[in-house]
Amino acid sequence: MAELFSDAWMKGFMEQWNSDPELTGSLEQIGFGSVIGYGFEGEDQPRGVISVENGKAVSAGAYNGETLNWDIRCAEAQWNKWIGKPPGMMGLGMAFTSGKMKFKVGDYGAMLKDPRMAAPFIKTFSVMGRV
């Protein structure tokens, strides 16, 4: 298995993202497009990035200075826990309020208040588990 958020891992994530009609369909309905960085707490920059246009991932790989709409950070152990057993809305809310999940870029509060975005965000963890 490729290292979490490495170039190879992110390309696998993109493949799994696009093969999940529930994820892509719900994001397509709201015209979601973003550049999302993923990484570890305490590091200067994210490790991996995925670009989404109209719900579909169009590119992914190692972070290379892209301008991000979202930059999500957790400890590696926390990522692995959620990839193994995806969290629910309560678990994510607790992780955010306790500081276990940080958004260096992006408005977590606004996303949680919009179920059209919150449900797909939670879905990405199960998609990660298939990489």
C-alpha atoms as a PDB file:
ATOM      1  CA  MET A   1       0.000   0.000   0.000  1.00  0.00           C
ATOM      2  CA  ALA A   2       1.296   3.467  -0.888  1.00  0.00           C
ATOM      3  CA  GLU A   3       2.121   5.909   1.893  1.00  0.00           C
ATOM      4  CA  LEU A   4      -0.866   7.984   2.996  1.00  0.00           C
ATOM      5  CA  PHE A   5      -1.262  11.137   0.840  1.00  0.00           C
ATOM      6  CA  SER A   6       1.732  10.275  -1.360  1.00  0.00           C
ATOM      7  CA  ASP A   7       1.476  10.908  -5.101  1.00  0.00           C
ATOM      8  CA  ALA A   8       0.518   7.264  -5.775  1.00  0.00           C
ATOM      9  CA  TRP A   9      -1.986   7.204  -2.903  1.00  0.00           C
ATOM     10  CA  MET A  10      -3.665  10.422  -4.083  1.00  0.00           C
ATOM     11  CA  LYS A  11      -3.977   9.049  -7.627  1.00  0.00           C
ATOM     12  CA  GLY A  12      -5.644   5.950  -6.160  1.00  0.00           C
ATOM     13  CA  PHE A  13      -7.925   8.208  -4.121  1.00  0.00           C
ATOM     14  CA  MET A  14      -8.923  10.069  -7.292  1.00  0.00           C
ATOM     15  CA  GLU A  15      -9.755   6.759  -8.995  1.00  0.00           C
ATOM     16  CA  GLN A  16     -11.886   5.637  -6.046  1.00  0.00           C
ATOM     17  CA  TRP A  17     -13.527   9.081  -5.785  1.00  0.00           C
ATOM     18  CA  ASN A  18     -14.613   8.960  -9.417  1.00  0.00           C
ATOM     19  CA  SER A  19     -15.863   5.379  -9.130  1.00  0.00           C
ATOM     20  CA  ASP A  20     -18.303   6.326  -6.352  1.00  0.00           C
ATOM     21  CA  PRO A  21     -21.518   7.610  -7.961  1.00  0.00           C
ATOM     22  CA  GLU A  22     -23.003   8.563  -4.582  1.00  0.00           C
ATOM     23  CA  LEU A  23     -20.092  10.931  -3.901  1.00  0.00           C
ATOM     24  CA  THR A  24     -19.683  12.354  -7.396  1.00  0.00           C
ATOM     25  CA  GLY A  25     -23.432  12.619  -7.982  1.00  0.00           C
ATOM     26  CA  SER A  26     -24.190  14.509  -4.789  1.00  0.00           C
ATOM     27  CA  LEU A  27     -21.321  16.924  -5.425  1.00  0.00           C
ATOM     28  CA  GLU A  28     -22.282  17.359  -9.076  1.00  0.00           C
ATOM     29  CA  GLN A  29     -25.807  18.382  -8.005  1.00  0.00           C
ATOM     30  CA  ILE A  30     -24.393  21.381  -6.126  1.00  0.00           C
ATOM     31  CA  GLY A  31     -21.735  22.171  -8.726  1.00  0.00           C
ATOM     32  CA  PHE A  32     -18.947  21.502  -6.213  1.00  0.00           C
ATOM     33  CA  GLY A  33     -15.453  22.339  -7.311  1.00  0.00           C
ATOM     34  CA  SER A  34     -12.419  22.764  -5.058  1.00  0.00           C
ATOM     35  CA  VAL A  35      -8.743  22.094  -4.640  1.00  0.00           C
ATOM     36  CA  ILE A  36      -8.379  20.072  -1.441  1.00  0.00           C
ATOM     37  CA  GLY A  37      -5.141  19.475   0.412  1.00  0.00           C
ATOM     38  CA  TYR A  38      -4.647  16.646   2.903  1.00  0.00           C
ATOM     39  CA  GLY A  39      -1.842  16.394   5.392  1.00  0.00           C
ATOM     40  CA  PHE A  40      -0.587  15.906   8.877  1.00  0.00           C
ATOM     41  CA  GLU A  41      -0.894  18.181  11.842  1.00  0.00           C
ATOM     42  CA  GLY A  42       2.220  20.230  12.519  1.00  0.00           C
ATOM     43  CA  GLU A  43       3.611  20.138   8.978  1.00  0.00           C
ATOM     44  CA  ASP A  44       4.102  23.329   6.962  1.00  0.00           C
ATOM     45  CA  GLN A  45       2.195  22.146   3.920  1.00  0.00           C
ATOM     46  CA  PRO A  46      -0.172  19.341   2.964  1.00  0.00           C
ATOM     47  CA  ARG A  47       1.229  16.146   1.483  1.00  0.00           C
ATOM     48  CA  GLY A  48      -1.404  15.453  -1.138  1.00  0.00           C
ATOM     49  CA  VAL A  49      -3.931  17.372  -3.190  1.00  0.00           C
ATOM     50  CA  ILE A  50      -7.010  16.546  -5.217  1.00  0.00           C
ATOM     51  CA  SER A  51      -8.770  18.892  -7.636  1.00  0.00           C
ATOM     52  CA  VAL A  52     -12.503  18.490  -8.073  1.00  0.00           C
ATOM     53  CA  GLU A  53     -14.638  20.055 -10.786  1.00  0.00           C
ATOM     54  CA  ASN A  54     -18.403  19.642 -10.768  1.00  0.00           C
ATOM     55  CA  GLY A  55     -18.140  16.710  -8.375  1.00  0.00           C
ATOM     56  CA  LYS A  56     -15.500  14.726 -10.279  1.00  0.00           C
ATOM     57  CA  ALA A  57     -11.822  14.522  -9.393  1.00  0.00           C
ATOM     58  CA  VAL A  58      -9.848  15.835 -12.364  1.00  0.00           C
ATOM     59  CA  SER A  59      -6.325  15.598 -10.951  1.00  0.00           C
ATOM     60  CA  ALA A  60      -4.544  14.372  -7.840  1.00  0.00           C
ATOM     61  CA  GLY A  61      -1.043  13.839  -6.571  1.00  0.00           C
ATOM     62  CA  ALA A  62       1.623  15.136  -4.249  1.00  0.00           C
ATOM     63  CA  TYR A  63       1.130  18.741  -3.162  1.00  0.00           C
ATOM     64  CA  ASN A  64       3.108  21.069  -5.395  1.00  0.00           C
ATOM     65  CA  GLY A  65       2.192  24.575  -4.256  1.00  0.00           C
ATOM     66  CA  GLU A  66      -1.373  24.624  -5.572  1.00  0.00           C
ATOM     67  CA  THR A  67      -3.708  27.293  -4.197  1.00  0.00           C
ATOM     68  CA  LEU A  68      -6.098  25.423  -1.909  1.00  0.00           C
ATOM     69  CA  ASN A  69      -9.774  25.930  -1.128  1.00  0.00           C
ATOM     70  CA  TRP A  70      -9.500  23.390   1.699  1.00  0.00           C
ATOM     71  CA  ASP A  71      -6.467  22.223   3.683  1.00  0.00           C
ATOM     72  CA  ILE A  72      -7.386  19.479   6.138  1.00  0.00           C
ATOM     73  CA  ARG A  73      -4.966  18.256   8.800  1.00  0.00           C
ATOM     74  CA  CYS A  74      -4.979  15.548  11.441  1.00  0.00           C
ATOM     75  CA  ALA A  75      -2.429  13.386  13.167  1.00  0.00           C
ATOM     76  CA  GLU A  76      -1.516  10.379  11.021  1.00  0.00           C
ATOM     77  CA  ALA A  77      -3.026   8.016  13.612  1.00  0.00           C
ATOM     78  CA  GLN A  78      -6.331   9.935  13.422  1.00  0.00           C
ATOM     79  CA  TRP A  79      -6.436   9.724   9.618  1.00  0.00           C
ATOM     80  CA  ASN A  80      -5.748   5.981   9.788  1.00  0.00           C
ATOM     81  CA  LYS A  81      -8.476   5.508  12.395  1.00  0.00           C
ATOM     82  CA  TRP A  82     -11.057   7.282  10.223  1.00  0.00           C
ATOM     83  CA  ILE A  83      -9.959   5.557   7.044  1.00  0.00           C
ATOM     84  CA  GLY A  84     -10.423   2.210   8.829  1.00  0.00           C
ATOM     85  CA  LYS A  85     -13.756   3.219  10.375  1.00  0.00           C
ATOM     86  CA  PRO A  86     -15.281   6.341   8.815  1.00  0.00           C
ATOM     87  CA  PRO A  87     -16.652   8.843  11.330  1.00  0.00           C
ATOM     88  CA  GLY A  88     -20.178  10.133  11.470  1.00  0.00           C
ATOM     89  CA  MET A  89     -21.244  13.750  11.760  1.00  0.00           C
ATOM     90  CA  MET A  90     -20.913  13.713  15.554  1.00  0.00           C
ATOM     91  CA  GLY A  91     -17.425  12.215  15.413  1.00  0.00           C
ATOM     92  CA  LEU A  92     -16.241  14.854  12.973  1.00  0.00           C
ATOM     93  CA  GLY A  93     -17.811  17.651  14.983  1.00  0.00           C
ATOM     94  CA  MET A  94     -16.080  16.406  18.142  1.00  0.00           C
ATOM     95  CA  ALA A  95     -12.762  16.080  16.303  1.00  0.00           C
ATOM     96  CA  PHE A  96     -13.026  19.644  15.052  1.00  0.00           C
ATOM     97  CA  THR A  97     -14.022  21.161  18.399  1.00  0.00           C
ATOM     98  CA  SER A  98     -11.342  19.196  20.266  1.00  0.00           C
ATOM     99  CA  GLY A  99      -8.656  20.188  17.751  1.00  0.00           C
ATOM    100  CA  LYS A 100      -8.024  16.648  16.424  1.00  0.00           C
ATOM    101  CA  MET A 101      -8.993  17.890  12.950  1.00  0.00           C
ATOM    102  CA  LYS A 102      -7.877  21.259  11.719  1.00  0.00           C
ATOM    103  CA  PHE A 103      -8.808  23.221   8.640  1.00  0.00           C
ATOM    104  CA  LYS A 104      -5.882  25.465   7.746  1.00  0.00           C
ATOM    105  CA  VAL A 105      -7.941  26.672   4.770  1.00  0.00           C
ATOM    106  CA  GLY A 106     -11.718  26.316   4.375  1.00  0.00           C
ATOM    107  CA  ASP A 107     -14.786  27.017   6.480  1.00  0.00           C
ATOM    108  CA  TYR A 108     -15.643  23.847   8.378  1.00  0.00           C
ATOM    109  CA  GLY A 109     -18.603  25.484  10.136  1.00  0.00           C
ATOM    110  CA  ALA A 110     -20.253  26.550   6.889  1.00  0.00           C
ATOM    111  CA  MET A 111     -19.691  23.100   5.392  1.00  0.00           C
ATOM    112  CA  LEU A 112     -21.282  21.346   8.388  1.00  0.00           C
ATOM    113  CA  LYS A 113     -24.334  23.600   8.225  1.00  0.00           C
ATOM    114  CA  ASP A 114     -24.960  22.550   4.620  1.00  0.00           C
ATOM    115  CA  PRO A 115     -25.965  18.869   4.490  1.00  0.00           C
ATOM    116  CA  ARG A 116     -25.349  18.899   0.729  1.00  0.00           C
ATOM    117  CA  MET A 117     -21.645  19.318   1.557  1.00  0.00           C
ATOM    118  CA  ALA A 118     -21.413  17.580   4.939  1.00  0.00           C
ATOM    119  CA  ALA A 119     -22.664  14.174   3.785  1.00  0.00           C
ATOM    120  CA  PRO A 120     -20.214  13.964   0.848  1.00  0.00           C
ATOM    121  CA  PHE A 121     -17.365  15.095   3.127  1.00  0.00           C
ATOM    122  CA  ILE A 122     -18.104  12.197   5.472  1.00  0.00           C
ATOM    123  CA  LYS A 123     -18.366   9.875   2.443  1.00  0.00           C
ATOM    124  CA  THR A 124     -14.765  10.729   1.429  1.00  0.00           C
ATOM    125  CA  PHE A 125     -13.484   8.784   4.455  1.00  0.00           C
ATOM    126  CA  SER A 126     -15.042   5.519   3.243  1.00  0.00           C
ATOM    127  CA  VAL A 127     -13.680   6.276  -0.243  1.00  0.00           C
ATOM    128  CA  MET A 128     -10.213   6.706   1.312  1.00  0.00           C
ATOM    129  CA  GLY A 129     -10.606   3.277   2.875  1.00  0.00           C
ATOM    130  CA  ARG A 130     -10.748   1.703  -0.593  1.00  0.00           C
ATOM    131  CA  VAL A 131      -7.393   3.123  -1.713  1.00  0.00           C
END
